[in-house]
């Protein structure tokens, strides 16, 4: 199950579906085995922590993962969601935005 994804760590993406639809953020990690991504500042959930002898109980706010199909790259030129296409330039495979044709790799 060696799937390849066009979204990588550090990419700027926009959420297409769910409670945070329309918000954008940077990808902090890609969970390939679950086909999910963690996006900075998106899908914040509350995690209840039980009290121990060392630490009092508390409620943490953490980022939960989003399915990879619910996010899309943001076009650097237009700021709209875009798909990704690959081109080979000088023997190096690079990612480009379909909408404007601008380079997505840094």
PDB file of N, CA and C in Angstrom:
ATOM      1  N   UNK A   1       0.838  -1.184   0.000  1.00  0.00           N
ATOM      2  CA  UNK A   1       0.000   0.000   0.000  1.00  0.00           C
ATOM      3  C   UNK A   1       0.882   1.246   0.000  1.00  0.00           C
ATOM      4  N   UNK A   2       1.635   1.404  -1.041  1.00  0.00           N
ATOM      5  CA  UNK A   2       2.573   2.517  -1.156  1.00  0.00           C
ATOM      6  C   UNK A   2       1.933   3.638  -1.945  1.00  0.00           C
ATOM      7  N   UNK A   3       1.020   4.376  -1.315  1.00  0.00           N
ATOM      8  CA  UNK A   3       0.318   5.447  -2.012  1.00  0.00           C
ATOM      9  C   UNK A   3       1.182   6.688  -2.081  1.00  0.00           C
ATOM     10  N   UNK A   4       0.994   7.459  -3.154  1.00  0.00           N
ATOM     11  CA  UNK A   4       1.700   8.722  -3.301  1.00  0.00           C
ATOM     12  C   UNK A   4       0.690   9.848  -3.219  1.00  0.00           C
ATOM     13  N   UNK A   5       1.050  10.879  -2.492  1.00  0.00           N
ATOM     14  CA  UNK A   5       0.183  12.030  -2.330  1.00  0.00           C
ATOM     15  C   UNK A   5       0.879  13.265  -2.880  1.00  0.00           C
ATOM     16  N   UNK A   6       0.096  14.184  -3.405  1.00  0.00           N
ATOM     17  CA  UNK A   6       0.652  15.413  -3.960  1.00  0.00           C
ATOM     18  C   UNK A   6       0.822  16.478  -2.890  1.00  0.00           C
ATOM     19  N   UNK A   7       0.262  16.261  -1.720  1.00  0.00           N
ATOM     20  CA  UNK A   7       0.397  17.205  -0.611  1.00  0.00           C
ATOM     21  C   UNK A   7       1.556  16.742   0.265  1.00  0.00           C
ATOM     22  N   UNK A   8       2.438  17.679   0.588  1.00  0.00           N
ATOM     23  CA  UNK A   8       3.620  17.367   1.394  1.00  0.00           C
ATOM     24  C   UNK A   8       3.696  18.306   2.590  1.00  0.00           C
ATOM     25  N   UNK A   9       4.541  17.964   3.522  1.00  0.00           N
ATOM     26  CA  UNK A   9       4.759  18.786   4.705  1.00  0.00           C
ATOM     27  C   UNK A   9       5.269  20.164   4.288  1.00  0.00           C
ATOM     28  N   UNK A  10       4.660  21.213   4.859  1.00  0.00           N
ATOM     29  CA  UNK A  10       5.071  22.574   4.544  1.00  0.00           C
ATOM     30  C   UNK A  10       4.227  23.249   3.473  1.00  0.00           C
ATOM     31  N   UNK A  11       3.371  22.500   2.782  1.00  0.00           N
ATOM     32  CA  UNK A  11       2.500  23.084   1.754  1.00  0.00           C
ATOM     33  C   UNK A  11       1.401  23.926   2.396  1.00  0.00           C
ATOM     34  N   UNK A  12       0.982  24.968   1.698  1.00  0.00           N
ATOM     35  CA  UNK A  12      -0.153  25.777   2.142  1.00  0.00           C
ATOM     36  C   UNK A  12      -1.396  25.240   1.463  1.00  0.00           C
ATOM     37  N   UNK A  13      -2.386  24.849   2.286  1.00  0.00           N
ATOM     38  CA  UNK A  13      -3.604  24.235   1.757  1.00  0.00           C
ATOM     39  C   UNK A  13      -4.831  24.968   2.269  1.00  0.00           C
ATOM     40  N   UNK A  14      -5.961  24.742   1.589  1.00  0.00           N
ATOM     41  CA  UNK A  14      -7.249  25.289   1.993  1.00  0.00           C
ATOM     42  C   UNK A  14      -8.191  24.113   2.239  1.00  0.00           C
ATOM     43  N   UNK A  15      -9.044  24.243   3.254  1.00  0.00           N
ATOM     44  CA  UNK A  15      -9.981  23.177   3.602  1.00  0.00           C
ATOM     45  C   UNK A  15     -11.213  23.296   2.712  1.00  0.00           C
ATOM     46  N   UNK A  16     -11.602  22.185   2.079  1.00  0.00           N
ATOM     47  CA  UNK A  16     -12.723  22.167   1.142  1.00  0.00           C
ATOM     48  C   UNK A  16     -14.025  21.710   1.780  1.00  0.00           C
ATOM     49  N   UNK A  17     -13.956  20.958   2.881  1.00  0.00           N
ATOM     50  CA  UNK A  17     -15.168  20.418   3.502  1.00  0.00           C
ATOM     51  C   UNK A  17     -14.971  20.308   5.001  1.00  0.00           C
ATOM     52  N   UNK A  18     -16.082  20.392   5.742  1.00  0.00           N
ATOM     53  CA  UNK A  18     -16.033  20.231   7.190  1.00  0.00           C
ATOM     54  C   UNK A  18     -16.282  21.533   7.912  1.00  0.00           C
ATOM     55  N   UNK A  19     -16.089  21.506   9.230  1.00  0.00           N
ATOM     56  CA  UNK A  19     -16.415  22.672  10.042  1.00  0.00           C
ATOM     57  C   UNK A  19     -15.477  23.857   9.789  1.00  0.00           C
ATOM     58  N   UNK A  20     -14.301  23.606   9.262  1.00  0.00           N
ATOM     59  CA  UNK A  20     -13.336  24.675   8.988  1.00  0.00           C
ATOM     60  C   UNK A  20     -13.239  24.987   7.494  1.00  0.00           C
ATOM     61  N   UNK A  21     -14.307  24.747   6.752  1.00  0.00           N
ATOM     62  CA  UNK A  21     -14.309  24.976   5.307  1.00  0.00           C
ATOM     63  C   UNK A  21     -13.952  26.428   4.992  1.00  0.00           C
ATOM     64  N   UNK A  22     -13.024  26.609   4.050  1.00  0.00           N
ATOM     65  CA  UNK A  22     -12.612  27.939   3.634  1.00  0.00           C
ATOM     66  C   UNK A  22     -11.377  28.448   4.346  1.00  0.00           C
ATOM     67  N   UNK A  23     -10.984  27.837   5.454  1.00  0.00           N
ATOM     68  CA  UNK A  23      -9.789  28.267   6.181  1.00  0.00           C
ATOM     69  C   UNK A  23      -8.557  27.644   5.538  1.00  0.00           C
ATOM     70  N   UNK A  24      -7.424  28.314   5.717  1.00  0.00           N
ATOM     71  CA  UNK A  24      -6.185  27.798   5.147  1.00  0.00           C
ATOM     72  C   UNK A  24      -5.116  27.721   6.217  1.00  0.00           C
ATOM     73  N   UNK A  25      -4.115  26.904   5.954  1.00  0.00           N
ATOM     74  CA  UNK A  25      -3.010  26.740   6.889  1.00  0.00           C
ATOM     75  C   UNK A  25      -1.909  25.925   6.251  1.00  0.00           C
ATOM     76  N   UNK A  26      -0.853  25.731   7.011  1.00  0.00           N
ATOM     77  CA  UNK A  26       0.305  24.992   6.538  1.00  0.00           C
ATOM     78  C   UNK A  26       0.239  23.551   7.043  1.00  0.00           C
ATOM     79  N   UNK A  27       0.626  22.604   6.203  1.00  0.00           N
ATOM     80  CA  UNK A  27       0.606  21.192   6.576  1.00  0.00           C
ATOM     81  C   UNK A  27       1.781  20.920   7.510  1.00  0.00           C
ATOM     82  N   UNK A  28       1.470  20.387   8.708  1.00  0.00           N
ATOM     83  CA  UNK A  28       2.529  20.073   9.665  1.00  0.00           C
ATOM     84  C   UNK A  28       2.998  18.632   9.546  1.00  0.00           C
ATOM     85  N   UNK A  29       2.098  17.724   9.146  1.00  0.00           N
ATOM     86  CA  UNK A  29       2.515  16.347   8.901  1.00  0.00           C
ATOM     87  C   UNK A  29       1.502  15.643   8.013  1.00  0.00           C
ATOM     88  N   UNK A  30       1.983  14.606   7.315  1.00  0.00           N
ATOM     89  CA  UNK A  30       1.147  13.792   6.447  1.00  0.00           C
ATOM     90  C   UNK A  30       1.159  12.374   7.017  1.00  0.00           C
ATOM     91  N   UNK A  31      -0.034  11.846   7.331  1.00  0.00           N
ATOM     92  CA  UNK A  31      -0.166  10.487   7.856  1.00  0.00           C
ATOM     93  C   UNK A  31      -0.561   9.571   6.693  1.00  0.00           C
ATOM     94  N   UNK A  32       0.436   9.020   6.002  1.00  0.00           N
ATOM     95  CA  UNK A  32       0.188   8.256   4.775  1.00  0.00           C
ATOM     96  C   UNK A  32      -0.642   7.014   5.011  1.00  0.00           C
ATOM     97  N   UNK A  33      -0.382   6.305   6.104  1.00  0.00           N
ATOM     98  CA  UNK A  33      -1.098   5.048   6.339  1.00  0.00           C
ATOM     99  C   UNK A  33      -2.581   5.266   6.604  1.00  0.00           C
ATOM    100  N   UNK A  34      -2.957   6.460   7.103  1.00  0.00           N
ATOM    101  CA  UNK A  34      -4.364   6.778   7.369  1.00  0.00           C
ATOM    102  C   UNK A  34      -4.968   7.711   6.322  1.00  0.00           C
ATOM    103  N   UNK A  35      -4.157   8.156   5.367  1.00  0.00           N
ATOM    104  CA  UNK A  35      -4.571   9.091   4.306  1.00  0.00           C
ATOM    105  C   UNK A  35      -5.123  10.386   4.892  1.00  0.00           C
ATOM    106  N   UNK A  36      -4.413  10.933   5.873  1.00  0.00           N
ATOM    107  CA  UNK A  36      -4.859  12.145   6.555  1.00  0.00           C
ATOM    108  C   UNK A  36      -3.693  13.119   6.685  1.00  0.00           C
ATOM    109  N   UNK A  37      -4.025  14.396   6.916  1.00  0.00           N
ATOM    110  CA  UNK A  37      -3.012  15.424   7.120  1.00  0.00           C
ATOM    111  C   UNK A  37      -3.352  16.237   8.363  1.00  0.00           C
ATOM    112  N   UNK A  38      -2.314  16.769   9.001  1.00  0.00           N
ATOM    113  CA  UNK A  38      -2.477  17.712  10.103  1.00  0.00           C
ATOM    114  C   UNK A  38      -2.173  19.095   9.556  1.00  0.00           C
ATOM    115  N   UNK A  39      -3.112  20.024   9.742  1.00  0.00           N
ATOM    116  CA  UNK A  39      -2.952  21.380   9.231  1.00  0.00           C
ATOM    117  C   UNK A  39      -2.912  22.329  10.427  1.00  0.00           C
ATOM    118  N   UNK A  40      -1.953  23.236  10.414  1.00  0.00           N
ATOM    119  CA  UNK A  40      -1.747  24.158  11.523  1.00  0.00           C
ATOM    120  C   UNK A  40      -2.956  25.070  11.720  1.00  0.00           C
ATOM    121  N   UNK A  41      -3.539  25.038  12.922  1.00  0.00           N
ATOM    122  CA  UNK A  41      -4.651  25.908  13.269  1.00  0.00           C
ATOM    123  C   UNK A  41      -6.002  25.464  12.751  1.00  0.00           C
ATOM    124  N   UNK A  42      -6.097  24.268  12.184  1.00  0.00           N
ATOM    125  CA  UNK A  42      -7.346  23.769  11.600  1.00  0.00           C
ATOM    126  C   UNK A  42      -7.800  22.525  12.363  1.00  0.00           C
ATOM    127  N   UNK A  43      -9.120  22.359  12.486  1.00  0.00           N
ATOM    128  CA  UNK A  43      -9.744  21.211  13.133  1.00  0.00           C
ATOM    129  C   UNK A  43      -9.287  21.076  14.589  1.00  0.00           C
ATOM    130  N   UNK A  44      -9.449  22.149  15.338  1.00  0.00           N
ATOM    131  CA  UNK A  44      -9.081  22.162  16.755  1.00  0.00           C
ATOM    132  C   UNK A  44     -10.157  21.427  17.549  1.00  0.00           C
ATOM    133  N   UNK A  45      -9.723  20.438  18.351  1.00  0.00           N
ATOM    134  CA  UNK A  45     -10.642  19.687  19.205  1.00  0.00           C
ATOM    135  C   UNK A  45     -10.156  19.768  20.647  1.00  0.00           C
ATOM    136  N   UNK A  46     -11.072  19.521  21.580  1.00  0.00           N
ATOM    137  CA  UNK A  46     -10.726  19.559  22.996  1.00  0.00           C
ATOM    138  C   UNK A  46     -10.444  18.151  23.489  1.00  0.00           C
ATOM    139  N   UNK A  47      -9.323  17.999  24.172  1.00  0.00           N
ATOM    140  CA  UNK A  47      -8.901  16.714  24.719  1.00  0.00           C
ATOM    141  C   UNK A  47      -8.904  16.831  26.233  1.00  0.00           C
ATOM    142  N   UNK A  48      -9.721  16.021  26.908  1.00  0.00           N
ATOM    143  CA  UNK A  48      -9.818  16.053  28.364  1.00  0.00           C
ATOM    144  C   UNK A  48      -8.724  15.167  28.952  1.00  0.00           C
ATOM    145  N   UNK A  49      -7.916  15.760  29.829  1.00  0.00           N
ATOM    146  CA  UNK A  49      -6.817  15.039  30.483  1.00  0.00           C
ATOM    147  C   UNK A  49      -7.208  14.728  31.921  1.00  0.00           C
ATOM    148  N   UNK A  50      -7.045  13.485  32.314  1.00  0.00           N
ATOM    149  CA  UNK A  50      -7.385  13.073  33.663  1.00  0.00           C
ATOM    150  C   UNK A  50      -6.312  13.546  34.638  1.00  0.00           C
ATOM    151  N   UNK A  51      -6.720  13.900  35.847  1.00  0.00           N
ATOM    152  CA  UNK A  51      -5.777  14.363  36.862  1.00  0.00           C
ATOM    153  C   UNK A  51      -4.931  13.199  37.367  1.00  0.00           C
ATOM    154  N   UNK A  52      -3.650  13.486  37.628  1.00  0.00           N
ATOM    155  CA  UNK A  52      -2.747  12.521  38.238  1.00  0.00           C
ATOM    156  C   UNK A  52      -2.174  13.141  39.498  1.00  0.00           C
ATOM    157  N   UNK A  53      -1.311  12.420  40.186  1.00  0.00           N
ATOM    158  CA  UNK A  53      -0.706  12.971  41.401  1.00  0.00           C
ATOM    159  C   UNK A  53       0.225  14.136  41.082  1.00  0.00           C
ATOM    160  N   UNK A  54       0.848  14.103  39.913  1.00  0.00           N
ATOM    161  CA  UNK A  54       1.778  15.172  39.540  1.00  0.00           C
ATOM    162  C   UNK A  54       1.070  16.343  38.857  1.00  0.00           C
ATOM    163  N   UNK A  55       0.064  16.049  38.020  1.00  0.00           N
ATOM    164  CA  UNK A  55      -0.573  17.089  37.215  1.00  0.00           C
ATOM    165  C   UNK A  55      -2.068  17.169  37.516  1.00  0.00           C
ATOM    166  N   UNK A  56      -2.592  18.396  37.616  1.00  0.00           N
ATOM    167  CA  UNK A  56      -4.051  18.515  37.766  1.00  0.00           C
ATOM    168  C   UNK A  56      -4.735  18.217  36.425  1.00  0.00           C
ATOM    169  N   UNK A  57      -5.999  17.886  36.475  1.00  0.00           N
ATOM    170  CA  UNK A  57      -6.737  17.642  35.248  1.00  0.00           C
ATOM    171  C   UNK A  57      -6.905  18.932  34.468  1.00  0.00           C
ATOM    172  N   UNK A  58      -6.993  18.825  33.154  1.00  0.00           N
ATOM    173  CA  UNK A  58      -7.167  20.016  32.325  1.00  0.00           C
ATOM    174  C   UNK A  58      -7.781  19.635  30.991  1.00  0.00           C
ATOM    175  N   UNK A  59      -8.159  20.628  30.232  1.00  0.00           N
ATOM    176  CA  UNK A  59      -8.698  20.433  28.898  1.00  0.00           C
ATOM    177  C   UNK A  59      -7.740  21.083  27.914  1.00  0.00           C
ATOM    178  N   UNK A  60      -7.121  20.261  27.079  1.00  0.00           N
ATOM    179  CA  UNK A  60      -6.185  20.754  26.062  1.00  0.00           C
ATOM    180  C   UNK A  60      -6.920  20.937  24.747  1.00  0.00           C
ATOM    181  N   UNK A  61      -6.476  21.909  23.976  1.00  0.00           N
ATOM    182  CA  UNK A  61      -6.975  22.080  22.613  1.00  0.00           C
ATOM    183  C   UNK A  61      -5.866  21.639  21.667  1.00  0.00           C
ATOM    184  N   UNK A  62      -6.153  20.610  20.874  1.00  0.00           N
ATOM    185  CA  UNK A  62      -5.160  20.066  19.960  1.00  0.00           C
ATOM    186  C   UNK A  62      -5.715  20.055  18.537  1.00  0.00           C
ATOM    187  N   UNK A  63      -4.823  19.916  17.557  1.00  0.00           N
ATOM    188  CA  UNK A  63      -5.224  19.834  16.156  1.00  0.00           C
ATOM    189  C   UNK A  63      -5.462  18.375  15.807  1.00  0.00           C
ATOM    190  N   UNK A  64      -6.627  18.090  15.261  1.00  0.00           N
ATOM    191  CA  UNK A  64      -6.937  16.744  14.799  1.00  0.00           C
ATOM    192  C   UNK A  64      -6.669  16.670  13.297  1.00  0.00           C
ATOM    193  N   UNK A  65      -6.506  15.468  12.797  1.00  0.00           N
ATOM    194  CA  UNK A  65      -6.195  15.298  11.382  1.00  0.00           C
ATOM    195  C   UNK A  65      -7.446  15.440  10.525  1.00  0.00           C
ATOM    196  N   UNK A  66      -7.218  15.749   9.246  1.00  0.00           N
ATOM    197  CA  UNK A  66      -8.278  15.897   8.254  1.00  0.00           C
ATOM    198  C   UNK A  66      -7.964  14.929   7.116  1.00  0.00           C
ATOM    199  N   UNK A  67      -8.998  14.354   6.514  1.00  0.00           N
ATOM    200  CA  UNK A  67      -8.764  13.464   5.387  1.00  0.00           C
ATOM    201  C   UNK A  67      -8.153  14.263   4.233  1.00  0.00           C
ATOM    202  N   UNK A  68      -7.223  13.644   3.551  1.00  0.00           N
ATOM    203  CA  UNK A  68      -6.450  14.339   2.515  1.00  0.00           C
ATOM    204  C   UNK A  68      -7.319  14.802   1.347  1.00  0.00           C
ATOM    205  N   UNK A  69      -8.487  14.161   1.150  1.00  0.00           N
ATOM    206  CA  UNK A  69      -9.372  14.569   0.062  1.00  0.00           C
ATOM    207  C   UNK A  69     -10.113  15.861   0.375  1.00  0.00           C
ATOM    208  N   UNK A  70     -10.108  16.291   1.633  1.00  0.00           N
ATOM    209  CA  UNK A  70     -10.821  17.499   2.040  1.00  0.00           C
ATOM    210  C   UNK A  70      -9.951  18.748   2.036  1.00  0.00           C
ATOM    211  N   UNK A  71      -8.724  18.645   1.537  1.00  0.00           N
ATOM    212  CA  UNK A  71      -7.849  19.807   1.424  1.00  0.00           C
ATOM    213  C   UNK A  71      -7.328  19.909  -0.004  1.00  0.00           C
ATOM    214  N   UNK A  72      -6.981  21.136  -0.416  1.00  0.00           N
ATOM    215  CA  UNK A  72      -6.413  21.369  -1.748  1.00  0.00           C
ATOM    216  C   UNK A  72      -5.319  22.424  -1.632  1.00  0.00           C
ATOM    217  N   UNK A  73      -4.362  22.362  -2.542  1.00  0.00           N
ATOM    218  CA  UNK A  73      -3.305  23.369  -2.579  1.00  0.00           C
ATOM    219  C   UNK A  73      -3.894  24.752  -2.865  1.00  0.00           C
ATOM    220  N   UNK A  74      -3.219  25.775  -2.373  1.00  0.00           N
ATOM    221  CA  UNK A  74      -3.585  27.151  -2.699  1.00  0.00           C
ATOM    222  C   UNK A  74      -2.648  27.635  -3.797  1.00  0.00           C
ATOM    223  N   UNK A  75      -3.225  28.163  -4.862  1.00  0.00           N
ATOM    224  CA  UNK A  75      -2.430  28.704  -5.959  1.00  0.00           C
ATOM    225  C   UNK A  75      -1.676  29.938  -5.458  1.00  0.00           C
ATOM    226  N   UNK A  76      -0.356  29.990  -5.626  1.00  0.00           N
ATOM    227  CA  UNK A  76       0.412  31.145  -5.133  1.00  0.00           C
ATOM    228  C   UNK A  76       0.039  32.464  -5.801  1.00  0.00           C
ATOM    229  N   UNK A  77      -0.428  32.422  -7.050  1.00  0.00           N
ATOM    230  CA  UNK A  77      -0.762  33.650  -7.763  1.00  0.00           C
ATOM    231  C   UNK A  77      -2.174  34.140  -7.471  1.00  0.00           C
ATOM    232  N   UNK A  78      -3.161  33.239  -7.538  1.00  0.00           N
ATOM    233  CA  UNK A  78      -4.553  33.651  -7.402  1.00  0.00           C
ATOM    234  C   UNK A  78      -5.110  33.487  -6.000  1.00  0.00           C
ATOM    235  N   UNK A  79      -4.525  32.614  -5.191  1.00  0.00           N
ATOM    236  CA  UNK A  79      -5.035  32.370  -3.845  1.00  0.00           C
ATOM    237  C   UNK A  79      -6.240  31.445  -3.819  1.00  0.00           C
ATOM    238  N   UNK A  80      -6.554  30.800  -4.936  1.00  0.00           N
ATOM    239  CA  UNK A  80      -7.690  29.893  -5.022  1.00  0.00           C
ATOM    240  C   UNK A  80      -7.201  28.443  -4.956  1.00  0.00           C
ATOM    241  N   UNK A  81      -8.122  27.514  -4.631  1.00  0.00           N
ATOM    242  CA  UNK A  81      -7.730  26.103  -4.630  1.00  0.00           C
ATOM    243  C   UNK A  81      -7.343  25.648  -6.031  1.00  0.00           C
ATOM    244  N   UNK A  82      -6.361  24.774  -6.109  1.00  0.00           N
ATOM    245  CA  UNK A  82      -5.897  24.285  -7.400  1.00  0.00           C
ATOM    246  C   UNK A  82      -5.491  22.826  -7.296  1.00  0.00           C
ATOM    247  N   UNK A  83      -5.471  22.168  -8.444  1.00  0.00           N
ATOM    248  CA  UNK A  83      -4.919  20.820  -8.527  1.00  0.00           C
ATOM    249  C   UNK A  83      -3.437  20.946  -8.842  1.00  0.00           C
ATOM    250  N   UNK A  84      -2.760  19.811  -8.888  1.00  0.00           N
ATOM    251  CA  UNK A  84      -1.317  19.808  -9.087  1.00  0.00           C
ATOM    252  C   UNK A  84      -0.978  18.995 -10.322  1.00  0.00           C
ATOM    253  N   UNK A  85      -0.034  19.509 -11.115  1.00  0.00           N
ATOM    254  CA  UNK A  85       0.492  18.733 -12.225  1.00  0.00           C
ATOM    255  C   UNK A  85       2.016  18.706 -12.099  1.00  0.00           C
ATOM    256  N   UNK A  86       2.607  17.687 -12.680  1.00  0.00           N
ATOM    257  CA  UNK A  86       4.051  17.511 -12.617  1.00  0.00           C
ATOM    258  C   UNK A  86       4.663  17.791 -13.977  1.00  0.00           C
ATOM    259  N   UNK A  87       5.819  18.461 -13.958  1.00  0.00           N
ATOM    260  CA  UNK A  87       6.611  18.679 -15.168  1.00  0.00           C
ATOM    261  C   UNK A  87       8.054  18.378 -14.820  1.00  0.00           C
ATOM    262  N   UNK A  88       8.794  17.932 -15.817  1.00  0.00           N
ATOM    263  CA  UNK A  88      10.217  17.673 -15.622  1.00  0.00           C
ATOM    264  C   UNK A  88      11.000  18.784 -16.302  1.00  0.00           C
ATOM    265  N   UNK A  89      11.776  19.498 -15.498  1.00  0.00           N
ATOM    266  CA  UNK A  89      12.631  20.563 -16.028  1.00  0.00           C
ATOM    267  C   UNK A  89      14.076  20.271 -15.641  1.00  0.00           C
ATOM    268  N   UNK A  90      14.937  20.192 -16.625  1.00  0.00           N
ATOM    269  CA  UNK A  90      16.358  19.900 -16.417  1.00  0.00           C
ATOM    270  C   UNK A  90      16.557  18.594 -15.647  1.00  0.00           C
ATOM    271  N   UNK A  91      15.694  17.610 -15.912  1.00  0.00           N
ATOM    272  CA  UNK A  91      15.811  16.313 -15.256  1.00  0.00           C
ATOM    273  C   UNK A  91      15.286  16.275 -13.833  1.00  0.00           C
ATOM    274  N   UNK A  92      14.637  17.342 -13.388  1.00  0.00           N
ATOM    275  CA  UNK A  92      14.089  17.407 -12.029  1.00  0.00           C
ATOM    276  C   UNK A  92      12.575  17.505 -12.117  1.00  0.00           C
ATOM    277  N   UNK A  93      11.893  16.619 -11.399  1.00  0.00           N
ATOM    278  CA  UNK A  93      10.436  16.607 -11.385  1.00  0.00           C
ATOM    279  C   UNK A  93       9.948  17.689 -10.427  1.00  0.00           C
ATOM    280  N   UNK A  94       9.084  18.590 -10.926  1.00  0.00           N
ATOM    281  CA  UNK A  94       8.593  19.709 -10.120  1.00  0.00           C
ATOM    282  C   UNK A  94       7.071  19.748 -10.154  1.00  0.00           C
ATOM    283  N   UNK A  95       6.480  20.327  -9.093  1.00  0.00           N
ATOM    284  CA  UNK A  95       5.027  20.450  -9.000  1.00  0.00           C
ATOM    285  C   UNK A  95       4.589  21.845  -9.422  1.00  0.00           C
ATOM    286  N   UNK A  96       3.532  21.906 -10.239  1.00  0.00           N
ATOM    287  CA  UNK A  96       2.993  23.171 -10.731  1.00  0.00           C
ATOM    288  C   UNK A  96       1.500  23.229 -10.453  1.00  0.00           C
ATOM    289  N   UNK A  97       0.963  24.440 -10.278  1.00  0.00           N
ATOM    290  CA  UNK A  97      -0.476  24.645 -10.110  1.00  0.00           C
ATOM    291  C   UNK A  97      -1.146  24.579 -11.476  1.00  0.00           C
ATOM    292  N   UNK A  98      -2.296  23.893 -11.549  1.00  0.00           N
ATOM    293  CA  UNK A  98      -3.018  23.767 -12.809  1.00  0.00           C
ATOM    294  C   UNK A  98      -3.667  25.092 -13.186  1.00  0.00           C
ATOM    295  N   UNK A  99      -4.187  25.848 -12.198  1.00  0.00           N
ATOM    296  CA  UNK A  99      -4.929  27.077 -12.465  1.00  0.00           C
ATOM    297  C   UNK A  99      -4.062  28.123 -13.159  1.00  0.00           C
ATOM    298  N   UNK A 100      -2.880  28.410 -12.590  1.00  0.00           N
ATOM    299  CA  UNK A 100      -2.054  29.480 -13.153  1.00  0.00           C
ATOM    300  C   UNK A 100      -0.753  28.980 -13.775  1.00  0.00           C
ATOM    301  N   UNK A 101      -0.374  27.755 -13.497  1.00  0.00           N
ATOM    302  CA  UNK A 101       0.875  27.222 -14.027  1.00  0.00           C
ATOM    303  C   UNK A 101       2.092  27.638 -13.215  1.00  0.00           C
ATOM    304  N   UNK A 102       1.900  28.207 -12.033  1.00  0.00           N
ATOM    305  CA  UNK A 102       3.040  28.656 -11.220  1.00  0.00           C
ATOM    306  C   UNK A 102       3.624  27.493 -10.429  1.00  0.00           C
ATOM    307  N   UNK A 103       4.884  27.625 -10.077  1.00  0.00           N
ATOM    308  CA  UNK A 103       5.636  26.591  -9.384  1.00  0.00           C
ATOM    309  C   UNK A 103       5.192  26.499  -7.924  1.00  0.00           C
ATOM    310  N   UNK A 104       4.939  25.267  -7.450  1.00  0.00           N
ATOM    311  CA  UNK A 104       4.545  25.055  -6.053  1.00  0.00           C
ATOM    312  C   UNK A 104       5.741  24.692  -5.180  1.00  0.00           C
ATOM    313  N   UNK A 105       6.746  24.042  -5.756  1.00  0.00           N
ATOM    314  CA  UNK A 105       7.943  23.684  -4.982  1.00  0.00           C
ATOM    315  C   UNK A 105       8.814  24.900  -4.771  1.00  0.00           C
ATOM    316  N   UNK A 106       9.481  24.910  -3.645  1.00  0.00           N
ATOM    317  CA  UNK A 106      10.329  26.060  -3.325  1.00  0.00           C
ATOM    318  C   UNK A 106      11.726  25.857  -3.826  1.00  0.00           C
TER     319      UNK A 106
END
